[in-house]
């Protein structure tokens, strides 16, 4: 549950959490009240209904769910919101770094230092 609401922008996080809880509640009601009746009426054939539903879900996930594993927050924002959001995030980061430039120390990690230099060159 917690992970589901974390990927939403803060402005709509509460609404997304309500939709998630509503969907979970509907699923629980269906499983509690419909499945026993359908299983009694159809017997083993009711499992075919579930097999078809799982096939539908697999196709839906393959076509519509965006993979975000091993992506940075900026890359994920670009997938969902477009490149304009990435530019805005980069600008805010640059302003933050510029405002704190007196207190910023070089990193002892050369990889991290290289990433920071690349970001600064891109701006």
PDB file of N, CA and C in Angstrom:
ATOM      1  N   UNK A   1       0.813  -1.182   0.000  1.00  0.00           N
ATOM      2  CA  UNK A   1       0.000   0.000   0.000  1.00  0.00           C
ATOM      3  C   UNK A   1       0.861   1.252   0.000  1.00  0.00           C
ATOM      4  N   UNK A   2       1.875   1.251   0.803  1.00  0.00           N
ATOM      5  CA  UNK A   2       2.704   2.436   0.934  1.00  0.00           C
ATOM      6  C   UNK A   2       3.412   2.753  -0.373  1.00  0.00           C
ATOM      7  N   UNK A   3       3.931   1.739  -1.029  1.00  0.00           N
ATOM      8  CA  UNK A   3       4.636   1.944  -2.279  1.00  0.00           C
ATOM      9  C   UNK A   3       3.699   2.481  -3.356  1.00  0.00           C
ATOM     10  N   UNK A   4       2.471   2.055  -3.339  1.00  0.00           N
ATOM     11  CA  UNK A   4       1.513   2.489  -4.342  1.00  0.00           C
ATOM     12  C   UNK A   4       1.323   3.996  -4.321  1.00  0.00           C
ATOM     13  N   UNK A   5       1.284   4.598  -3.154  1.00  0.00           N
ATOM     14  CA  UNK A   5       1.049   6.033  -3.092  1.00  0.00           C
ATOM     15  C   UNK A   5       2.319   6.847  -3.238  1.00  0.00           C
ATOM     16  N   UNK A   6       3.488   6.251  -3.106  1.00  0.00           N
ATOM     17  CA  UNK A   6       4.723   7.021  -3.156  1.00  0.00           C
ATOM     18  C   UNK A   6       5.083   7.496  -4.551  1.00  0.00           C
ATOM     19  N   UNK A   7       4.653   6.830  -5.585  1.00  0.00           N
ATOM     20  CA  UNK A   7       5.039   7.269  -6.911  1.00  0.00           C
ATOM     21  C   UNK A   7       4.153   8.392  -7.428  1.00  0.00           C
ATOM     22  N   UNK A   8       3.055   8.689  -6.738  1.00  0.00           N
ATOM     23  CA  UNK A   8       2.168   9.770  -7.156  1.00  0.00           C
ATOM     24  C   UNK A   8       2.727  11.115  -6.712  1.00  0.00           C
ATOM     25  N   UNK A   9       2.493  12.160  -7.514  1.00  0.00           N
ATOM     26  CA  UNK A   9       2.878  13.504  -7.061  1.00  0.00           C
ATOM     27  C   UNK A   9       2.154  13.844  -5.765  1.00  0.00           C
ATOM     28  N   UNK A  10       2.789  14.642  -4.945  1.00  0.00           N
ATOM     29  CA  UNK A  10       2.268  14.930  -3.613  1.00  0.00           C
ATOM     30  C   UNK A  10       0.861  15.523  -3.673  1.00  0.00           C
ATOM     31  N   UNK A  11       0.565  16.307  -4.707  1.00  0.00           N
ATOM     32  CA  UNK A  11      -0.728  16.992  -4.799  1.00  0.00           C
ATOM     33  C   UNK A  11      -1.901  16.023  -4.948  1.00  0.00           C
ATOM     34  N   UNK A  12      -1.669  14.844  -5.539  1.00  0.00           N
ATOM     35  CA  UNK A  12      -2.776  13.896  -5.758  1.00  0.00           C
ATOM     36  C   UNK A  12      -2.571  12.581  -5.021  1.00  0.00           C
ATOM     37  N   UNK A  13      -1.624  12.549  -4.110  1.00  0.00           N
ATOM     38  CA  UNK A  13      -1.320  11.305  -3.399  1.00  0.00           C
ATOM     39  C   UNK A  13      -2.501  10.792  -2.597  1.00  0.00           C
ATOM     40  N   UNK A  14      -3.205  11.663  -1.900  1.00  0.00           N
ATOM     41  CA  UNK A  14      -4.341  11.231  -1.080  1.00  0.00           C
ATOM     42  C   UNK A  14      -5.458  10.666  -1.960  1.00  0.00           C
ATOM     43  N   UNK A  15      -5.724  11.318  -3.085  1.00  0.00           N
ATOM     44  CA  UNK A  15      -6.762  10.822  -3.993  1.00  0.00           C
ATOM     45  C   UNK A  15      -6.376   9.453  -4.567  1.00  0.00           C
ATOM     46  N   UNK A  16      -5.116   9.288  -4.910  1.00  0.00           N
ATOM     47  CA  UNK A  16      -4.652   7.999  -5.420  1.00  0.00           C
ATOM     48  C   UNK A  16      -4.768   6.903  -4.386  1.00  0.00           C
ATOM     49  N   UNK A  17      -4.485   7.246  -3.133  1.00  0.00           N
ATOM     50  CA  UNK A  17      -4.595   6.260  -2.065  1.00  0.00           C
ATOM     51  C   UNK A  17      -6.052   5.852  -1.850  1.00  0.00           C
ATOM     52  N   UNK A  18      -6.978   6.785  -2.004  1.00  0.00           N
ATOM     53  CA  UNK A  18      -8.405   6.471  -1.875  1.00  0.00           C
ATOM     54  C   UNK A  18      -8.838   5.525  -2.999  1.00  0.00           C
ATOM     55  N   UNK A  19      -8.403   5.803  -4.219  1.00  0.00           N
ATOM     56  CA  UNK A  19      -8.747   4.934  -5.349  1.00  0.00           C
ATOM     57  C   UNK A  19      -8.181   3.532  -5.134  1.00  0.00           C
ATOM     58  N   UNK A  20      -6.946   3.456  -4.651  1.00  0.00           N
ATOM     59  CA  UNK A  20      -6.326   2.162  -4.371  1.00  0.00           C
ATOM     60  C   UNK A  20      -7.123   1.387  -3.326  1.00  0.00           C
ATOM     61  N   UNK A  21      -7.475   2.048  -2.227  1.00  0.00           N
ATOM     62  CA  UNK A  21      -8.242   1.376  -1.165  1.00  0.00           C
ATOM     63  C   UNK A  21      -9.621   0.948  -1.658  1.00  0.00           C
ATOM     64  N   UNK A  22     -10.240   1.752  -2.501  1.00  0.00           N
ATOM     65  CA  UNK A  22     -11.548   1.402  -3.055  1.00  0.00           C
ATOM     66  C   UNK A  22     -11.438   0.145  -3.925  1.00  0.00           C
ATOM     67  N   UNK A  23     -10.408   0.075  -4.749  1.00  0.00           N
ATOM     68  CA  UNK A  23     -10.211  -1.105  -5.602  1.00  0.00           C
ATOM     69  C   UNK A  23      -9.945  -2.353  -4.764  1.00  0.00           C
ATOM     70  N   UNK A  24      -9.161  -2.219  -3.720  1.00  0.00           N
ATOM     71  CA  UNK A  24      -8.893  -3.357  -2.839  1.00  0.00           C
ATOM     72  C   UNK A  24     -10.179  -3.810  -2.163  1.00  0.00           C
ATOM     73  N   UNK A  25     -10.985  -2.867  -1.699  1.00  0.00           N
ATOM     74  CA  UNK A  25     -12.249  -3.211  -1.037  1.00  0.00           C
ATOM     75  C   UNK A  25     -13.195  -3.937  -1.990  1.00  0.00           C
ATOM     76  N   UNK A  26     -13.293  -3.451  -3.232  1.00  0.00           N
ATOM     77  CA  UNK A  26     -14.140  -4.131  -4.216  1.00  0.00           C
ATOM     78  C   UNK A  26     -13.652  -5.547  -4.492  1.00  0.00           C
ATOM     79  N   UNK A  27     -12.344  -5.715  -4.573  1.00  0.00           N
ATOM     80  CA  UNK A  27     -11.787  -7.057  -4.801  1.00  0.00           C
ATOM     81  C   UNK A  27     -12.110  -7.990  -3.643  1.00  0.00           C
ATOM     82  N   UNK A  28     -11.992  -7.488  -2.434  1.00  0.00           N
ATOM     83  CA  UNK A  28     -12.299  -8.317  -1.266  1.00  0.00           C
ATOM     84  C   UNK A  28     -13.776  -8.694  -1.216  1.00  0.00           C
ATOM     85  N   UNK A  29     -14.650  -7.748  -1.532  1.00  0.00           N
ATOM     86  CA  UNK A  29     -16.087  -8.044  -1.560  1.00  0.00           C
ATOM     87  C   UNK A  29     -16.393  -9.104  -2.612  1.00  0.00           C
ATOM     88  N   UNK A  30     -15.806  -8.953  -3.796  1.00  0.00           N
ATOM     89  CA  UNK A  30     -16.014  -9.924  -4.861  1.00  0.00           C
ATOM     90  C   UNK A  30     -15.547 -11.312  -4.425  1.00  0.00           C
ATOM     91  N   UNK A  31     -14.343 -11.373  -3.871  1.00  0.00           N
ATOM     92  CA  UNK A  31     -13.804 -12.670  -3.455  1.00  0.00           C
ATOM     93  C   UNK A  31     -14.611 -13.299  -2.335  1.00  0.00           C
ATOM     94  N   UNK A  32     -15.160 -12.492  -1.456  1.00  0.00           N
ATOM     95  CA  UNK A  32     -15.897 -13.018  -0.309  1.00  0.00           C
ATOM     96  C   UNK A  32     -17.292 -13.521  -0.691  1.00  0.00           C
ATOM     97  N   UNK A  33     -17.971 -12.795  -1.567  1.00  0.00           N
ATOM     98  CA  UNK A  33     -19.377 -13.097  -1.824  1.00  0.00           C
ATOM     99  C   UNK A  33     -19.671 -13.732  -3.182  1.00  0.00           C
ATOM    100  N   UNK A  34     -18.926 -13.397  -4.217  1.00  0.00           N
ATOM    101  CA  UNK A  34     -19.229 -13.906  -5.559  1.00  0.00           C
ATOM    102  C   UNK A  34     -18.560 -15.246  -5.815  1.00  0.00           C
ATOM    103  N   UNK A  35     -17.311 -15.391  -5.422  1.00  0.00           N
ATOM    104  CA  UNK A  35     -16.586 -16.629  -5.726  1.00  0.00           C
ATOM    105  C   UNK A  35     -17.268 -17.893  -5.202  1.00  0.00           C
ATOM    106  N   UNK A  36     -17.739 -17.941  -3.957  1.00  0.00           N
ATOM    107  CA  UNK A  36     -18.382 -19.177  -3.502  1.00  0.00           C
ATOM    108  C   UNK A  36     -19.627 -19.542  -4.307  1.00  0.00           C
ATOM    109  N   UNK A  37     -20.432 -18.548  -4.648  1.00  0.00           N
ATOM    110  CA  UNK A  37     -21.657 -18.808  -5.421  1.00  0.00           C
ATOM    111  C   UNK A  37     -21.296 -19.314  -6.814  1.00  0.00           C
ATOM    112  N   UNK A  38     -20.340 -18.648  -7.461  1.00  0.00           N
ATOM    113  CA  UNK A  38     -19.947 -19.046  -8.819  1.00  0.00           C
ATOM    114  C   UNK A  38     -19.283 -20.418  -8.812  1.00  0.00           C
ATOM    115  N   UNK A  39     -18.493 -20.713  -7.796  1.00  0.00           N
ATOM    116  CA  UNK A  39     -17.834 -22.015  -7.725  1.00  0.00           C
ATOM    117  C   UNK A  39     -18.856 -23.135  -7.527  1.00  0.00           C
ATOM    118  N   UNK A  40     -19.884 -22.883  -6.723  1.00  0.00           N
ATOM    119  CA  UNK A  40     -20.947 -23.878  -6.555  1.00  0.00           C
ATOM    120  C   UNK A  40     -21.734 -24.085  -7.839  1.00  0.00           C
ATOM    121  N   UNK A  41     -21.967 -23.003  -8.582  1.00  0.00           N
ATOM    122  CA  UNK A  41     -22.770 -23.102  -9.799  1.00  0.00           C
ATOM    123  C   UNK A  41     -21.995 -23.726 -10.957  1.00  0.00           C
ATOM    124  N   UNK A  42     -20.724 -23.358 -11.117  1.00  0.00           N
ATOM    125  CA  UNK A  42     -19.962 -23.811 -12.283  1.00  0.00           C
ATOM    126  C   UNK A  42     -18.981 -24.951 -11.987  1.00  0.00           C
ATOM    127  N   UNK A  43     -18.669 -25.144 -10.738  1.00  0.00           N
ATOM    128  CA  UNK A  43     -17.706 -26.195 -10.391  1.00  0.00           C
ATOM    129  C   UNK A  43     -16.314 -25.837 -10.875  1.00  0.00           C
ATOM    130  N   UNK A  44     -15.591 -26.837 -11.383  1.00  0.00           N
ATOM    131  CA  UNK A  44     -14.216 -26.622 -11.825  1.00  0.00           C
ATOM    132  C   UNK A  44     -14.122 -25.671 -13.001  1.00  0.00           C
ATOM    133  N   UNK A  45     -15.188 -25.486 -13.754  1.00  0.00           N
ATOM    134  CA  UNK A  45     -15.170 -24.596 -14.923  1.00  0.00           C
ATOM    135  C   UNK A  45     -14.971 -23.133 -14.516  1.00  0.00           C
ATOM    136  N   UNK A  46     -15.236 -22.833 -13.247  1.00  0.00           N
ATOM    137  CA  UNK A  46     -15.042 -21.459 -12.785  1.00  0.00           C
ATOM    138  C   UNK A  46     -13.565 -21.074 -12.817  1.00  0.00           C
ATOM    139  N   UNK A  47     -12.678 -22.051 -12.746  1.00  0.00           N
ATOM    140  CA  UNK A  47     -11.255 -21.757 -12.825  1.00  0.00           C
ATOM    141  C   UNK A  47     -10.861 -21.238 -14.205  1.00  0.00           C
ATOM    142  N   UNK A  48     -11.623 -21.590 -15.224  1.00  0.00           N
ATOM    143  CA  UNK A  48     -11.373 -21.056 -16.567  1.00  0.00           C
ATOM    144  C   UNK A  48     -11.594 -19.545 -16.571  1.00  0.00           C
ATOM    145  N   UNK A  49     -12.593 -19.078 -15.818  1.00  0.00           N
ATOM    146  CA  UNK A  49     -12.837 -17.636 -15.702  1.00  0.00           C
ATOM    147  C   UNK A  49     -11.587 -16.958 -15.140  1.00  0.00           C
ATOM    148  N   UNK A  50     -11.014 -17.529 -14.111  1.00  0.00           N
ATOM    149  CA  UNK A  50      -9.810 -16.946 -13.520  1.00  0.00           C
ATOM    150  C   UNK A  50      -8.632 -17.013 -14.480  1.00  0.00           C
ATOM    151  N   UNK A  51      -8.498 -18.086 -15.229  1.00  0.00           N
ATOM    152  CA  UNK A  51      -7.404 -18.189 -16.196  1.00  0.00           C
ATOM    153  C   UNK A  51      -7.539 -17.096 -17.261  1.00  0.00           C
ATOM    154  N   UNK A  52      -8.755 -16.847 -17.721  1.00  0.00           N
ATOM    155  CA  UNK A  52      -8.981 -15.777 -18.699  1.00  0.00           C
ATOM    156  C   UNK A  52      -8.677 -14.412 -18.081  1.00  0.00           C
ATOM    157  N   UNK A  53      -9.075 -14.205 -16.843  1.00  0.00           N
ATOM    158  CA  UNK A  53      -8.808 -12.933 -16.178  1.00  0.00           C
ATOM    159  C   UNK A  53      -7.298 -12.709 -16.019  1.00  0.00           C
ATOM    160  N   UNK A  54      -6.569 -13.754 -15.644  1.00  0.00           N
ATOM    161  CA  UNK A  54      -5.119 -13.627 -15.516  1.00  0.00           C
ATOM    162  C   UNK A  54      -4.457 -13.336 -16.856  1.00  0.00           C
ATOM    163  N   UNK A  55      -4.963 -13.936 -17.925  1.00  0.00           N
ATOM    164  CA  UNK A  55      -4.427 -13.644 -19.253  1.00  0.00           C
ATOM    165  C   UNK A  55      -4.677 -12.184 -19.626  1.00  0.00           C
ATOM    166  N   UNK A  56      -5.877 -11.674 -19.330  1.00  0.00           N
ATOM    167  CA  UNK A  56      -6.186 -10.263 -19.582  1.00  0.00           C
ATOM    168  C   UNK A  56      -5.237  -9.356 -18.802  1.00  0.00           C
ATOM    169  N   UNK A  57      -5.018  -9.665 -17.519  1.00  0.00           N
ATOM    170  CA  UNK A  57      -4.120  -8.850 -16.701  1.00  0.00           C
ATOM    171  C   UNK A  57      -2.701  -8.872 -17.248  1.00  0.00           C
ATOM    172  N   UNK A  58      -2.241 -10.018 -17.701  1.00  0.00           N
ATOM    173  CA  UNK A  58      -0.885 -10.114 -18.242  1.00  0.00           C
ATOM    174  C   UNK A  58      -0.731  -9.239 -19.485  1.00  0.00           C
ATOM    175  N   UNK A  59      -1.716  -9.275 -20.369  1.00  0.00           N
ATOM    176  CA  UNK A  59      -1.665  -8.441 -21.577  1.00  0.00           C
ATOM    177  C   UNK A  59      -1.729  -6.962 -21.193  1.00  0.00           C
ATOM    178  N   UNK A  60      -2.578  -6.607 -20.259  1.00  0.00           N
ATOM    179  CA  UNK A  60      -2.704  -5.215 -19.817  1.00  0.00           C
ATOM    180  C   UNK A  60      -1.378  -4.711 -19.244  1.00  0.00           C
ATOM    181  N   UNK A  61      -0.756  -5.500 -18.390  1.00  0.00           N
ATOM    182  CA  UNK A  61       0.519  -5.099 -17.789  1.00  0.00           C
ATOM    183  C   UNK A  61       1.577  -4.938 -18.869  1.00  0.00           C
ATOM    184  N   UNK A  62       1.637  -5.869 -19.803  1.00  0.00           N
ATOM    185  CA  UNK A  62       2.629  -5.813 -20.867  1.00  0.00           C
ATOM    186  C   UNK A  62       2.461  -4.560 -21.719  1.00  0.00           C
ATOM    187  N   UNK A  63       1.216  -4.165 -21.988  1.00  0.00           N
ATOM    188  CA  UNK A  63       0.969  -3.039 -22.890  1.00  0.00           C
ATOM    189  C   UNK A  63       0.977  -1.678 -22.197  1.00  0.00           C
ATOM    190  N   UNK A  64       0.546  -1.603 -20.939  1.00  0.00           N
ATOM    191  CA  UNK A  64       0.289  -0.292 -20.349  1.00  0.00           C
ATOM    192  C   UNK A  64       1.121   0.070 -19.120  1.00  0.00           C
ATOM    193  N   UNK A  65       1.752  -0.870 -18.467  1.00  0.00           N
ATOM    194  CA  UNK A  65       2.511  -0.554 -17.258  1.00  0.00           C
ATOM    195  C   UNK A  65       3.935  -0.193 -17.656  1.00  0.00           C
ATOM    196  N   UNK A  66       4.398   0.948 -17.176  1.00  0.00           N
ATOM    197  CA  UNK A  66       5.726   1.442 -17.524  1.00  0.00           C
ATOM    198  C   UNK A  66       6.745   0.895 -16.538  1.00  0.00           C
ATOM    199  N   UNK A  67       7.835   0.366 -17.056  1.00  0.00           N
ATOM    200  CA  UNK A  67       8.899  -0.176 -16.208  1.00  0.00           C
ATOM    201  C   UNK A  67       9.746   0.968 -15.670  1.00  0.00           C
ATOM    202  N   UNK A  68       9.910   1.016 -14.357  1.00  0.00           N
ATOM    203  CA  UNK A  68      10.706   2.075 -13.738  1.00  0.00           C
ATOM    204  C   UNK A  68      11.894   1.527 -12.953  1.00  0.00           C
ATOM    205  N   UNK A  69      12.130   0.240 -13.019  1.00  0.00           N
ATOM    206  CA  UNK A  69      13.243  -0.352 -12.277  1.00  0.00           C
ATOM    207  C   UNK A  69      14.572   0.157 -12.835  1.00  0.00           C
ATOM    208  N   UNK A  70      15.503   0.453 -11.930  1.00  0.00           N
ATOM    209  CA  UNK A  70      16.849   0.911 -12.271  1.00  0.00           C
ATOM    210  C   UNK A  70      16.862   2.219 -13.053  1.00  0.00           C
ATOM    211  N   UNK A  71      15.889   3.068 -12.821  1.00  0.00           N
ATOM    212  CA  UNK A  71      15.858   4.402 -13.428  1.00  0.00           C
ATOM    213  C   UNK A  71      15.983   5.443 -12.321  1.00  0.00           C
ATOM    214  N   UNK A  72      16.562   6.567 -12.668  1.00  0.00           N
ATOM    215  CA  UNK A  72      16.652   7.650 -11.700  1.00  0.00           C
ATOM    216  C   UNK A  72      15.292   8.321 -11.572  1.00  0.00           C
ATOM    217  N   UNK A  73      15.147   9.167 -10.570  1.00  0.00           N
ATOM    218  CA  UNK A  73      13.890   9.897 -10.414  1.00  0.00           C
ATOM    219  C   UNK A  73      13.622  10.796 -11.609  1.00  0.00           C
ATOM    220  N   UNK A  74      14.666  11.368 -12.179  1.00  0.00           N
ATOM    221  CA  UNK A  74      14.494  12.243 -13.339  1.00  0.00           C
ATOM    222  C   UNK A  74      14.002  11.454 -14.547  1.00  0.00           C
ATOM    223  N   UNK A  75      14.572  10.270 -14.754  1.00  0.00           N
ATOM    224  CA  UNK A  75      14.134   9.432 -15.876  1.00  0.00           C
ATOM    225  C   UNK A  75      12.686   8.983 -15.685  1.00  0.00           C
ATOM    226  N   UNK A  76      12.334   8.648 -14.458  1.00  0.00           N
ATOM    227  CA  UNK A  76      10.957   8.243 -14.171  1.00  0.00           C
ATOM    228  C   UNK A  76      10.008   9.407 -14.387  1.00  0.00           C
ATOM    229  N   UNK A  77      10.396  10.605 -13.954  1.00  0.00           N
ATOM    230  CA  UNK A  77       9.562  11.794 -14.170  1.00  0.00           C
ATOM    231  C   UNK A  77       9.379  12.058 -15.650  1.00  0.00           C
ATOM    232  N   UNK A  78      10.417  11.849 -16.446  1.00  0.00           N
ATOM    233  CA  UNK A  78      10.308  12.048 -17.891  1.00  0.00           C
ATOM    234  C   UNK A  78       9.342  11.053 -18.512  1.00  0.00           C
ATOM    235  N   UNK A  79       9.333   9.820 -18.027  1.00  0.00           N
ATOM    236  CA  UNK A  79       8.400   8.817 -18.564  1.00  0.00           C
ATOM    237  C   UNK A  79       6.954   9.206 -18.317  1.00  0.00           C
ATOM    238  N   UNK A  80       6.669   9.699 -17.104  1.00  0.00           N
ATOM    239  CA  UNK A  80       5.286   9.983 -16.737  1.00  0.00           C
ATOM    240  C   UNK A  80       4.847  11.399 -17.087  1.00  0.00           C
ATOM    241  N   UNK A  81       5.759  12.367 -16.982  1.00  0.00           N
ATOM    242  CA  UNK A  81       5.361  13.769 -17.110  1.00  0.00           C
ATOM    243  C   UNK A  81       5.976  14.485 -18.296  1.00  0.00           C
ATOM    244  N   UNK A  82       6.889  13.867 -19.001  1.00  0.00           N
ATOM    245  CA  UNK A  82       7.542  14.514 -20.137  1.00  0.00           C
ATOM    246  C   UNK A  82       8.852  15.168 -19.741  1.00  0.00           C
ATOM    247  N   UNK A  83       9.595  15.606 -20.746  1.00  0.00           N
ATOM    248  CA  UNK A  83      10.918  16.176 -20.500  1.00  0.00           C
ATOM    249  C   UNK A  83      10.861  17.537 -19.830  1.00  0.00           C
ATOM    250  N   UNK A  84       9.745  18.238 -19.930  1.00  0.00           N
ATOM    251  CA  UNK A  84       9.616  19.538 -19.272  1.00  0.00           C
ATOM    252  C   UNK A  84       9.789  19.431 -17.772  1.00  0.00           C
ATOM    253  N   UNK A  85       9.298  18.354 -17.203  1.00  0.00           N
ATOM    254  CA  UNK A  85       9.443  18.142 -15.764  1.00  0.00           C
ATOM    255  C   UNK A  85      10.896  17.922 -15.390  1.00  0.00           C
ATOM    256  N   UNK A  86      11.628  17.208 -16.233  1.00  0.00           N
ATOM    257  CA  UNK A  86      13.041  16.974 -15.961  1.00  0.00           C
ATOM    258  C   UNK A  86      13.798  18.298 -15.974  1.00  0.00           C
ATOM    259  N   UNK A  87      13.474  19.161 -16.928  1.00  0.00           N
ATOM    260  CA  UNK A  87      14.122  20.473 -16.980  1.00  0.00           C
ATOM    261  C   UNK A  87      13.819  21.278 -15.722  1.00  0.00           C
ATOM    262  N   UNK A  88      12.593  21.224 -15.266  1.00  0.00           N
ATOM    263  CA  UNK A  88      12.201  21.943 -14.056  1.00  0.00           C
ATOM    264  C   UNK A  88      12.947  21.396 -12.833  1.00  0.00           C
ATOM    265  N   UNK A  89      13.038  20.073 -12.725  1.00  0.00           N
ATOM    266  CA  UNK A  89      13.763  19.454 -11.603  1.00  0.00           C
ATOM    267  C   UNK A  89      15.237  19.845 -11.654  1.00  0.00           C
ATOM    268  N   UNK A  90      15.826  19.814 -12.844  1.00  0.00           N
ATOM    269  CA  UNK A  90      17.234  20.179 -12.989  1.00  0.00           C
ATOM    270  C   UNK A  90      17.469  21.630 -12.612  1.00  0.00           C
ATOM    271  N   UNK A  91      16.557  22.510 -13.009  1.00  0.00           N
ATOM    272  CA  UNK A  91      16.682  23.927 -12.675  1.00  0.00           C
ATOM    273  C   UNK A  91      16.592  24.139 -11.166  1.00  0.00           C
ATOM    274  N   UNK A  92      15.640  23.463 -10.528  1.00  0.00           N
ATOM    275  CA  UNK A  92      15.510  23.596  -9.078  1.00  0.00           C
ATOM    276  C   UNK A  92      16.741  23.054  -8.365  1.00  0.00           C
ATOM    277  N   UNK A  93      17.303  21.960  -8.861  1.00  0.00           N
ATOM    278  CA  UNK A  93      18.510  21.399  -8.256  1.00  0.00           C
ATOM    279  C   UNK A  93      19.679  22.354  -8.412  1.00  0.00           C
ATOM    280  N   UNK A  94      19.795  22.950  -9.604  1.00  0.00           N
ATOM    281  CA  UNK A  94      20.890  23.895  -9.834  1.00  0.00           C
ATOM    282  C   UNK A  94      20.752  25.114  -8.924  1.00  0.00           C
ATOM    283  N   UNK A  95      19.533  25.602  -8.750  1.00  0.00           N
ATOM    284  CA  UNK A  95      19.312  26.733  -7.852  1.00  0.00           C
ATOM    285  C   UNK A  95      19.666  26.363  -6.419  1.00  0.00           C
ATOM    286  N   UNK A  96      19.313  25.158  -6.029  1.00  0.00           N
ATOM    287  CA  UNK A  96      19.623  24.706  -4.670  1.00  0.00           C
ATOM    288  C   UNK A  96      21.126  24.583  -4.468  1.00  0.00           C
ATOM    289  N   UNK A  97      21.812  24.006  -5.442  1.00  0.00           N
ATOM    290  CA  UNK A  97      23.262  23.865  -5.345  1.00  0.00           C
ATOM    291  C   UNK A  97      23.922  25.237  -5.352  1.00  0.00           C
ATOM    292  N   UNK A  98      23.416  26.138  -6.202  1.00  0.00           N
ATOM    293  CA  UNK A  98      23.968  27.490  -6.251  1.00  0.00           C
ATOM    294  C   UNK A  98      23.773  28.241  -4.950  1.00  0.00           C
ATOM    295  N   UNK A  99      22.631  28.060  -4.310  1.00  0.00           N
ATOM    296  CA  UNK A  99      22.351  28.742  -3.044  1.00  0.00           C
ATOM    297  C   UNK A  99      23.218  28.194  -1.926  1.00  0.00           C
ATOM    298  N   UNK A 100      23.605  26.932  -2.019  1.00  0.00           N
ATOM    299  CA  UNK A 100      24.411  26.304  -0.972  1.00  0.00           C
ATOM    300  C   UNK A 100      25.853  26.089  -1.400  1.00  0.00           C
ATOM    301  N   UNK A 101      26.318  26.828  -2.401  1.00  0.00           N
ATOM    302  CA  UNK A 101      27.653  26.564  -2.942  1.00  0.00           C
ATOM    303  C   UNK A 101      28.753  26.809  -1.929  1.00  0.00           C
ATOM    304  N   UNK A 102      28.525  27.672  -0.962  1.00  0.00           N
ATOM    305  CA  UNK A 102      29.538  27.920   0.047  1.00  0.00           C
ATOM    306  C   UNK A 102      29.715  26.751   0.989  1.00  0.00           C
ATOM    307  N   UNK A 103      28.685  25.935   1.152  1.00  0.00           N
ATOM    308  CA  UNK A 103      28.759  24.832   2.105  1.00  0.00           C
ATOM    309  C   UNK A 103      28.947  23.474   1.444  1.00  0.00           C
ATOM    310  N   UNK A 104      29.104  23.474   0.118  1.00  0.00           N
ATOM    311  CA  UNK A 104      29.244  22.209  -0.600  1.00  0.00           C
ATOM    312  C   UNK A 104      30.720  21.823  -0.631  1.00  0.00           C
ATOM    313  N   UNK A 105      31.014  20.607  -0.230  1.00  0.00           N
ATOM    314  CA  UNK A 105      32.373  20.086  -0.249  1.00  0.00           C
ATOM    315  C   UNK A 105      32.477  19.056  -1.350  1.00  0.00           C
ATOM    316  N   UNK A 106      33.678  18.886  -1.848  1.00  0.00           N
ATOM    317  CA  UNK A 106      33.873  17.863  -2.867  1.00  0.00           C
ATOM    318  C   UNK A 106      33.694  16.489  -2.254  1.00  0.00           C
ATOM    319  N   UNK A 107      33.148  15.587  -3.048  1.00  0.00           N
ATOM    320  CA  UNK A 107      32.913  14.233  -2.576  1.00  0.00           C
ATOM    321  C   UNK A 107      34.204  13.439  -2.651  1.00  0.00           C
ATOM    322  N   UNK A 108      34.379  12.550  -1.701  1.00  0.00           N
ATOM    323  CA  UNK A 108      35.549  11.689  -1.721  1.00  0.00           C
ATOM    324  C   UNK A 108      35.380  10.563  -2.740  1.00  0.00           C
ATOM    325  N   UNK A 109      34.144  10.305  -3.138  1.00  0.00           N
ATOM    326  CA  UNK A 109      33.863   9.268  -4.126  1.00  0.00           C
ATOM    327  C   UNK A 109      34.066   9.848  -5.526  1.00  0.00           C
ATOM    328  N   UNK A 110      35.048   9.357  -6.291  1.00  0.00           N
ATOM    329  CA  UNK A 110      35.308   9.925  -7.617  1.00  0.00           C
ATOM    330  C   UNK A 110      34.144   9.752  -8.582  1.00  0.00           C
ATOM    331  N   UNK A 111      33.398   8.656  -8.472  1.00  0.00           N
ATOM    332  CA  UNK A 111      32.234   8.438  -9.347  1.00  0.00           C
ATOM    333  C   UNK A 111      31.173   9.509  -9.103  1.00  0.00           C
ATOM    334  N   UNK A 112      30.909   9.784  -7.831  1.00  0.00           N
ATOM    335  CA  UNK A 112      29.910  10.789  -7.473  1.00  0.00           C
ATOM    336  C   UNK A 112      30.368  12.170  -7.945  1.00  0.00           C
ATOM    337  N   UNK A 113      31.654  12.468  -7.778  1.00  0.00           N
ATOM    338  CA  UNK A 113      32.198  13.754  -8.214  1.00  0.00           C
ATOM    339  C   UNK A 113      32.063  13.901  -9.732  1.00  0.00           C
ATOM    340  N   UNK A 114      32.307  12.818 -10.468  1.00  0.00           N
ATOM    341  CA  UNK A 114      32.186  12.851 -11.926  1.00  0.00           C
ATOM    342  C   UNK A 114      30.744  13.127 -12.341  1.00  0.00           C
ATOM    343  N   UNK A 115      29.768  12.496 -11.667  1.00  0.00           N
ATOM    344  CA  UNK A 115      28.359  12.733 -11.963  1.00  0.00           C
ATOM    345  C   UNK A 115      27.993  14.185 -11.725  1.00  0.00           C
ATOM    346  N   UNK A 116      28.477  14.750 -10.626  1.00  0.00           N
ATOM    347  CA  UNK A 116      28.170  16.150 -10.308  1.00  0.00           C
ATOM    348  C   UNK A 116      28.757  17.077 -11.364  1.00  0.00           C
ATOM    349  N   UNK A 117      29.989  16.803 -11.806  1.00  0.00           N
ATOM    350  CA  UNK A 117      30.616  17.622 -12.836  1.00  0.00           C
ATOM    351  C   UNK A 117      29.856  17.537 -14.152  1.00  0.00           C
ATOM    352  N   UNK A 118      29.353  16.346 -14.501  1.00  0.00           N
ATOM    353  CA  UNK A 118      28.580  16.189 -15.731  1.00  0.00           C
ATOM    354  C   UNK A 118      27.282  16.974 -15.681  1.00  0.00           C
ATOM    355  N   UNK A 119      26.629  16.976 -14.517  1.00  0.00           N
ATOM    356  CA  UNK A 119      25.391  17.747 -14.347  1.00  0.00           C
ATOM    357  C   UNK A 119      25.685  19.229 -14.483  1.00  0.00           C
ATOM    358  N   UNK A 120      26.789  19.681 -13.875  1.00  0.00           N
ATOM    359  CA  UNK A 120      27.144  21.097 -13.952  1.00  0.00           C
ATOM    360  C   UNK A 120      27.489  21.503 -15.383  1.00  0.00           C
ATOM    361  N   UNK A 121      28.152  20.627 -16.148  1.00  0.00           N
ATOM    362  CA  UNK A 121      28.485  20.932 -17.545  1.00  0.00           C
ATOM    363  C   UNK A 121      27.225  21.008 -18.402  1.00  0.00           C
ATOM    364  N   UNK A 122      26.251  20.164 -18.117  1.00  0.00           N
ATOM    365  CA  UNK A 122      25.008  20.136 -18.906  1.00  0.00           C
ATOM    366  C   UNK A 122      24.225  21.439 -18.734  1.00  0.00           C
ATOM    367  N   UNK A 123      24.444  22.111 -17.620  1.00  0.00           N
ATOM    368  CA  UNK A 123      23.714  23.352 -17.377  1.00  0.00           C
ATOM    369  C   UNK A 123      24.513  24.481 -17.927  1.00  0.00           C
TER     370      UNK A 123
END
